[in-house]
Amino acid sequence: MFARREGSDPARPAVATGSHIDTQPTGGRFDGNYGVLAGLEVVRTLDEAGLRTRAPIEVCVWTNEEGSRFVPVMMGSGVYAGAFSLEHALSARDREGISVRDALAAIGFAGSEPASVESGAPRFGAYFEAHIEQGPVLEAAGLPIGVVTGALGQRWFDVVVTGQEAHAGPTPMDLRRDALQAATVLMQQVHAIAMAEQPHARGTVGFVQVHPNSRNVIPGRVTFTVDFRHPDAAGLARMEAALRAACASAAVPGRLEVGFDPRLVEAVRQGARRLGLGHQDIVSGAGHDAVYVARTAPTAMIFVPCKDGISHNEIEDARPEHLAAGCDVLLQAMVEAAEVA
């Protein structure tokens, strides 16, 4: 969804902001939602102040950033930026076999406008995204603003381990082909691979599915996911190579390192300075829609602290004054980019 506030020069590309409103099964109320509401607050503030910018202002709500129901993640921004095709996204299915195409039609959101820059969707002049940090760095430093200089590169894999189902009683231990035992060893390797690339690498097994998942049957098939993250492409490649050496069945390479636009990053810093807000540079460990949008337009992000660094959890929380500070910095940066008429 794109909401537009016209500027005095409608021929200029829009200065945009936004995030997502989908969430995780145990998600909180700030991840994504804050970035959308911050954008709306910028528009309301400009309206209340009677200020008109030269460039239009747009607020974006991106589809399926989290990937809780459909894969790939960051689906809306990914299609917009050309990371994958619209057809690839629409054909994705959830665990019940429902496609994205059918789900959008069911709620009346199967739009007809171009979905990608390549197919005719407008290209932004600049894009900003405000977000809770989803980590503990800003809170530990006692600072309200994180100036995001880039994001960890990510690669995702689906690993399938195949053994043989058998009765748990009559089958001797040394004659079993237990898929879960082999999968457990590989999962430990994911941890070890990430530990070998410290301090910035991350390795996570977040989803495990055991078949037939019965207490008295030896597991015959285990599927699990691997999420690798690293700040540079070479490190990410080393992690992938190590995983492939440990496991022959891996797929779905993901996105690589993204660095945000230095001019817009500096605009965020300057906005914090003008407001007298403490701030520091920071690298995002999570994926965001801004990662894909950065392929099409100058992009920057603004982080605010979240309590105990916890996110993707119902206890996710952030202080009102920090949320307000992030909105204020977003307003400063967007007005600078859009220029007051």
Protein backbone atom coordinates (compact mmCIF):
# COMPACT_ATOMS: atom_id res chain seq x y z
CA MET A 1 0.00 0.00 0.00
CA PHE A 2 1.27 3.47 -0.90
CA ALA A 3 -0.16 6.67 0.60
CA ARG A 4 0.95 9.86 -1.16
CA ARG A 5 1.12 13.49 -0.03
CA GLU A 6 1.66 15.63 -3.09
CA GLY A 7 4.53 18.12 -3.28
CA SER A 8 4.76 21.44 -5.05
CA ASP A 9 6.75 19.73 -7.81
CA PRO A 10 4.89 16.48 -8.58
CA ALA A 11 7.43 15.64 -11.30
CA ARG A 12 10.08 15.02 -8.61
CA PRO A 13 10.40 11.45 -7.33
CA ALA A 14 8.80 10.92 -3.94
CA VAL A 15 10.68 10.80 -0.65
CA ALA A 16 9.26 7.66 0.95
CA THR A 17 9.18 5.95 4.29
CA GLY A 18 7.44 2.89 5.70
CA SER A 19 7.79 -0.66 6.90
CA HIS A 20 5.46 -3.64 7.34
CA ILE A 21 2.47 -4.59 9.49
CA ASP A 22 2.66 -8.39 9.26
CA THR A 23 4.26 -10.15 12.21
CA GLN A 24 5.58 -13.41 13.64
CA PRO A 25 3.38 -16.03 15.36
CA THR A 26 4.57 -14.65 18.73
CA GLY A 27 5.30 -11.15 17.45
CA GLY A 28 4.97 -7.90 19.37
CA ARG A 29 3.34 -4.59 18.46
CA PHE A 30 6.40 -2.51 17.46
CA ASP A 31 8.34 -4.52 14.87
CA GLY A 32 7.30 -3.05 11.51
CA ASN A 33 4.23 -1.26 12.81
CA TYR A 34 6.36 1.50 14.33
CA GLY A 35 7.88 2.37 10.95
CA VAL A 36 4.46 2.67 9.31
CA LEU A 37 3.03 4.78 12.14
CA ALA A 38 6.14 6.97 12.19
CA GLY A 39 5.60 7.71 8.50
CA LEU A 40 1.98 8.62 9.10
CA GLU A 41 3.06 10.89 11.95
CA VAL A 42 5.46 12.70 9.60
CA VAL A 43 2.59 13.39 7.20
CA ARG A 44 0.27 14.53 10.00
CA THR A 45 2.95 16.84 11.38
CA LEU A 46 3.56 18.43 7.98
CA ASP A 47 -0.20 18.92 7.58
CA GLU A 48 -0.59 20.47 11.03
CA ALA A 49 2.35 22.81 10.41
CA GLY A 50 1.01 23.81 7.01
CA LEU A 51 4.31 22.87 5.35
CA ARG A 52 4.47 21.79 1.74
CA THR A 53 7.53 19.98 0.43
CA ARG A 54 8.85 20.25 -3.10
CA ALA A 55 9.01 16.46 -3.52
CA PRO A 56 5.95 14.32 -2.76
CA ILE A 57 5.97 12.30 0.47
CA GLU A 58 4.89 8.65 0.41
CA VAL A 59 4.23 6.16 3.20
CA CYS A 60 4.62 2.48 2.25
CA VAL A 61 3.21 -0.68 3.82
CA TRP A 62 5.15 -3.65 2.45
CA THR A 63 3.62 -7.13 2.13
CA ASN A 64 4.89 -10.23 3.95
CA GLU A 65 8.17 -8.88 5.31
CA GLU A 66 8.38 -11.52 8.03
CA GLY A 67 7.70 -14.61 5.93
CA SER A 68 5.65 -16.24 8.70
CA ARG A 69 3.06 -17.57 6.28
CA PHE A 70 4.69 -17.32 2.85
CA VAL A 71 8.28 -17.55 1.58
CA PRO A 72 10.21 -15.60 0.32
CA VAL A 73 10.45 -13.07 3.11
CA MET A 74 10.36 -9.31 2.40
CA MET A 75 8.03 -10.25 -0.44
CA GLY A 76 6.50 -6.89 -1.30
CA SER A 77 9.75 -4.94 -1.28
CA GLY A 78 11.50 -7.84 -3.03
CA VAL A 79 9.06 -7.76 -5.94
CA TYR A 80 9.22 -3.96 -6.01
CA ALA A 81 13.02 -4.02 -6.27
CA GLY A 82 13.17 -6.91 -8.75
CA ALA A 83 14.84 -9.40 -6.39
CA PHE A 84 12.29 -11.92 -7.66
CA SER A 85 9.34 -11.82 -10.03
CA LEU A 86 5.74 -10.99 -9.20
CA GLU A 87 4.71 -14.41 -10.49
CA HIS A 88 7.20 -16.12 -8.16
CA ALA A 89 5.68 -14.27 -5.20
CA LEU A 90 2.05 -14.84 -6.22
CA SER A 91 2.68 -18.56 -6.71
CA ALA A 92 4.13 -19.10 -3.22
CA ARG A 93 1.95 -21.31 -1.03
CA ASP A 94 1.48 -21.65 2.71
CA ARG A 95 1.39 -24.95 4.62
CA GLU A 96 -2.31 -25.36 3.76
CA GLY A 97 -1.58 -24.99 0.06
CA ILE A 98 -3.14 -21.52 -0.28
CA SER A 99 -1.24 -19.31 -2.71
CA VAL A 100 -0.41 -15.64 -2.23
CA ARG A 101 -2.51 -14.95 -5.33
CA ASP A 102 -5.59 -16.61 -3.77
CA ALA A 103 -5.00 -15.01 -0.35
CA LEU A 104 -4.83 -11.50 -1.85
CA ALA A 105 -7.96 -12.10 -3.94
CA ALA A 106 -9.83 -13.33 -0.86
CA ILE A 107 -9.26 -10.04 1.00
CA GLY A 108 -9.70 -7.76 -2.00
CA PHE A 109 -6.03 -6.75 -2.27
CA ALA A 110 -5.18 -8.28 -5.66
CA GLY A 111 -4.22 -4.90 -7.11
CA SER A 112 -3.77 -4.04 -10.77
CA GLU A 113 -1.03 -1.38 -10.46
CA PRO A 114 2.58 -2.21 -11.41
CA ALA A 115 4.26 -3.98 -8.50
CA SER A 116 7.91 -3.48 -9.48
CA VAL A 117 10.11 -0.63 -10.62
CA GLU A 118 10.89 -2.68 -13.71
CA SER A 119 7.21 -2.94 -14.63
CA GLY A 120 6.48 0.75 -14.08
CA ALA A 121 6.08 1.35 -10.34
CA PRO A 122 7.52 4.77 -9.39
CA ARG A 123 11.13 4.87 -8.25
CA PHE A 124 11.71 6.85 -5.04
CA GLY A 125 14.10 9.77 -4.79
CA ALA A 126 14.95 8.61 -1.27
CA TYR A 127 13.64 6.05 1.21
CA PHE A 128 13.87 6.03 5.02
CA GLU A 129 12.72 3.29 7.40
CA ALA A 130 12.29 3.75 11.15
CA HIS A 131 12.42 0.58 13.24
CA ILE A 132 13.04 -0.73 16.72
CA GLU A 133 16.59 -2.04 16.98
CA GLN A 134 15.56 -5.66 17.81
CA GLY A 135 18.80 -5.95 19.74
CA PRO A 136 20.38 -4.66 22.98
CA VAL A 137 23.11 -2.27 21.72
CA LEU A 138 21.32 1.10 21.97
CA GLU A 139 19.73 0.32 25.32
CA ALA A 140 23.10 -0.77 26.73
CA ALA A 141 24.69 2.45 25.45
CA GLY A 142 21.88 4.60 26.84
CA LEU A 143 21.29 6.22 23.43
CA PRO A 144 17.89 6.92 21.82
CA ILE A 145 18.95 6.82 18.15
CA GLY A 146 20.83 4.32 16.02
CA VAL A 147 22.14 5.55 12.68
CA VAL A 148 21.99 2.39 10.56
CA THR A 149 24.92 2.17 8.15
CA GLY A 150 24.05 -1.23 6.69
CA ALA A 151 22.58 -4.67 7.35
CA LEU A 152 24.08 -8.11 7.80
CA GLY A 153 23.98 -10.19 4.65
CA GLN A 154 21.75 -13.24 4.89
CA ARG A 155 21.50 -16.66 3.34
CA TRP A 156 18.69 -19.08 4.06
CA PHE A 157 18.68 -22.83 3.54
CA ASP A 158 16.13 -25.62 3.83
CA VAL A 159 17.83 -28.83 4.93
CA VAL A 160 16.17 -32.23 4.51
CA VAL A 161 17.63 -35.30 6.26
CA THR A 162 16.21 -38.61 5.11
CA GLY A 163 16.50 -41.83 7.12
CA GLN A 164 14.05 -44.69 7.55
CA GLU A 165 10.99 -44.94 9.75
CA ALA A 166 10.90 -48.01 11.96
CA HIS A 167 9.35 -49.30 15.16
CA ALA A 168 11.03 -47.82 18.25
CA GLY A 169 10.87 -51.13 20.16
CA PRO A 170 12.09 -53.97 17.94
CA THR A 171 14.76 -51.97 16.02
CA PRO A 172 18.24 -52.21 17.64
CA MET A 173 20.11 -48.94 18.14
CA ASP A 174 23.02 -49.93 15.88
CA LEU A 175 20.68 -50.84 12.98
CA ARG A 176 18.65 -47.64 12.96
CA ARG A 177 18.63 -44.95 10.26
CA ASP A 178 17.41 -42.20 12.58
CA ALA A 179 17.02 -38.96 10.62
CA LEU A 180 16.65 -36.89 13.79
CA GLN A 181 20.01 -37.98 15.18
CA ALA A 182 21.77 -36.96 11.98
CA ALA A 183 19.83 -33.69 11.84
CA THR A 184 20.84 -32.88 15.43
CA VAL A 185 24.52 -33.18 14.50
CA LEU A 186 24.01 -30.83 11.54
CA MET A 187 22.15 -28.31 13.70
CA GLN A 188 25.12 -28.25 16.07
CA GLN A 189 27.33 -27.57 13.06
CA VAL A 190 25.25 -24.48 12.26
CA HIS A 191 26.11 -23.12 15.69
CA ALA A 192 29.79 -24.03 15.34
CA ILE A 193 30.06 -22.40 11.90
CA ALA A 194 28.66 -19.13 13.26
CA MET A 195 30.92 -19.24 16.33
CA ALA A 196 33.94 -19.58 14.05
CA GLU A 197 33.05 -16.24 12.40
CA GLN A 198 32.59 -14.11 15.52
CA PRO A 199 31.94 -11.37 16.56
CA HIS A 200 29.37 -10.49 13.89
CA ALA A 201 28.26 -13.80 12.34
CA ARG A 202 24.92 -15.37 13.22
CA GLY A 203 23.68 -18.93 12.68
CA THR A 204 20.14 -20.00 13.58
CA VAL A 205 17.99 -23.10 13.21
CA GLY A 206 14.51 -21.64 13.70
CA PHE A 207 12.17 -24.27 12.27
CA VAL A 208 12.26 -28.05 12.67
CA GLN A 209 9.73 -30.55 11.32
CA VAL A 210 10.00 -34.24 12.23
CA HIS A 211 8.18 -36.98 10.29
CA PRO A 212 6.13 -38.87 11.30
CA ASN A 213 6.44 -37.14 14.70
CA SER A 214 5.18 -40.10 16.68
CA ARG A 215 6.60 -41.13 20.05
CA ASN A 216 7.16 -44.77 19.14
CA VAL A 217 8.40 -44.38 15.56
CA ILE A 218 12.04 -43.71 14.63
CA PRO A 219 12.02 -40.45 12.61
CA GLY A 220 12.39 -41.08 8.89
CA ARG A 221 12.65 -37.49 7.70
CA VAL A 222 13.61 -34.20 9.33
CA THR A 223 13.33 -30.79 7.69
CA PHE A 224 14.95 -27.75 9.28
CA THR A 225 15.90 -24.22 8.31
CA VAL A 226 19.27 -22.49 8.53
CA ASP A 227 19.62 -18.71 8.74
CA PHE A 228 23.21 -17.45 8.24
CA ARG A 229 24.17 -13.77 8.63
CA HIS A 230 27.50 -11.97 8.25
CA PRO A 231 28.52 -8.35 7.63
CA ASP A 232 30.56 -9.12 4.50
CA ALA A 233 30.05 -11.29 1.45
CA ALA A 234 33.29 -13.23 1.89
CA GLY A 235 32.37 -14.30 5.41
CA LEU A 236 28.91 -15.33 4.28
CA ALA A 237 30.46 -17.42 1.50
CA ARG A 238 32.73 -19.16 4.02
CA MET A 239 29.73 -20.03 6.17
CA GLU A 240 27.84 -21.42 3.20
CA ALA A 241 30.84 -23.49 2.12
CA ALA A 242 31.16 -24.92 5.62
CA LEU A 243 27.48 -25.83 5.68
CA ARG A 244 27.66 -27.47 2.27
CA ALA A 245 30.64 -29.45 3.45
CA ALA A 246 28.62 -30.70 6.42
CA CYS A 247 25.34 -31.23 4.61
CA ALA A 248 24.72 -32.22 0.98
CA SER A 249 21.07 -31.06 0.83
CA ALA A 250 20.90 -27.27 1.06
CA ALA A 251 19.01 -24.72 -1.04
CA VAL A 252 17.62 -21.20 -1.35
CA PRO A 253 20.59 -18.84 -1.19
CA GLY A 254 19.51 -15.49 0.13
CA ARG A 255 20.49 -11.85 -0.02
CA LEU A 256 23.94 -10.39 0.28
CA GLU A 257 25.38 -7.45 2.13
CA VAL A 258 23.72 -4.05 1.79
CA GLY A 259 25.28 -0.69 2.59
CA PHE A 260 22.93 2.29 2.91
CA ASP A 261 23.32 5.60 1.09
CA PRO A 262 26.00 7.75 2.80
CA ARG A 263 24.15 11.01 2.05
CA LEU A 264 20.91 9.80 3.64
CA VAL A 265 22.78 8.18 6.53
CA GLU A 266 24.37 11.57 7.19
CA ALA A 267 20.93 13.20 7.01
CA VAL A 268 19.83 10.91 9.84
CA ARG A 269 22.91 11.86 11.87
CA GLN A 270 22.30 15.56 11.26
CA GLY A 271 18.66 15.21 12.26
CA ALA A 272 19.67 13.65 15.57
CA ARG A 273 22.27 16.38 16.15
CA ARG A 274 19.79 19.19 15.45
CA LEU A 275 17.43 17.70 18.00
CA GLY A 276 20.19 17.19 20.57
CA LEU A 277 19.64 13.42 20.60
CA GLY A 278 22.44 11.03 21.47
CA HIS A 279 23.12 8.58 18.67
CA GLN A 280 25.60 6.07 17.31
CA ASP A 281 26.25 4.23 14.05
CA ILE A 282 24.90 0.70 14.03
CA VAL A 283 24.63 -2.28 11.66
CA SER A 284 21.31 -4.09 11.45
CA GLY A 285 21.42 -7.77 12.25
CA ALA A 286 17.89 -8.26 10.90
CA GLY A 287 16.50 -8.06 7.40
CA HIS A 288 14.21 -5.14 6.55
CA ASP A 289 12.30 -3.93 3.50
CA ALA A 290 14.89 -1.15 3.23
CA VAL A 291 17.44 -3.82 2.22
CA TYR A 292 15.58 -4.45 -1.04
CA VAL A 293 14.48 -0.85 -1.61
CA ALA A 294 18.18 0.10 -1.46
CA ARG A 295 18.59 -1.66 -4.82
CA THR A 296 16.35 0.95 -6.44
CA ALA A 297 16.87 4.21 -4.52
CA PRO A 298 19.11 5.89 -1.92
CA THR A 299 18.07 4.42 1.42
CA ALA A 300 18.71 4.82 5.14
CA MET A 301 17.26 3.49 8.40
CA ILE A 302 16.70 4.86 11.89
CA PHE A 303 16.74 2.57 14.92
CA VAL A 304 15.28 3.22 18.37
CA PRO A 305 15.92 1.04 21.43
CA CYS A 306 13.61 -1.78 22.46
CA LYS A 307 13.40 -3.13 26.00
CA ASP A 308 16.04 -5.76 26.73
CA GLY A 309 16.66 -6.05 22.98
CA ILE A 310 13.70 -8.43 22.68
CA SER A 311 11.66 -8.72 19.49
CA HIS A 312 9.54 -11.36 17.73
CA ASN A 313 7.98 -11.85 21.14
CA GLU A 314 4.73 -10.63 22.70
CA ILE A 315 6.66 -8.83 25.46
CA GLU A 316 8.39 -6.61 22.85
CA ASP A 317 8.36 -3.05 24.20
CA ALA A 318 9.81 0.42 23.63
CA ARG A 319 9.72 3.68 25.59
CA PRO A 320 7.37 6.41 24.28
CA GLU A 321 10.11 9.06 24.37
CA HIS A 322 12.37 6.87 22.21
CA LEU A 323 9.58 6.23 19.71
CA ALA A 324 8.92 9.97 19.56
CA ALA A 325 12.62 10.68 19.08
CA GLY A 326 12.76 8.29 16.14
CA CYS A 327 9.75 10.01 14.56
CA ASP A 328 11.40 13.40 15.05
CA VAL A 329 14.61 12.26 13.38
CA LEU A 330 12.61 10.69 10.54
CA LEU A 331 10.77 14.00 10.02
CA GLN A 332 14.05 15.94 9.96
CA ALA A 333 15.66 13.59 7.44
CA MET A 334 12.61 13.40 5.16
CA VAL A 335 12.07 17.17 5.09
CA GLU A 336 15.72 17.66 4.22
CA ALA A 337 15.43 15.15 1.37
CA ALA A 338 12.06 16.47 0.13
CA GLU A 339 12.86 20.20 0.69
CA VAL A 340 10.31 22.64 2.08
CA ALA A 341 8.72 24.65 -0.74
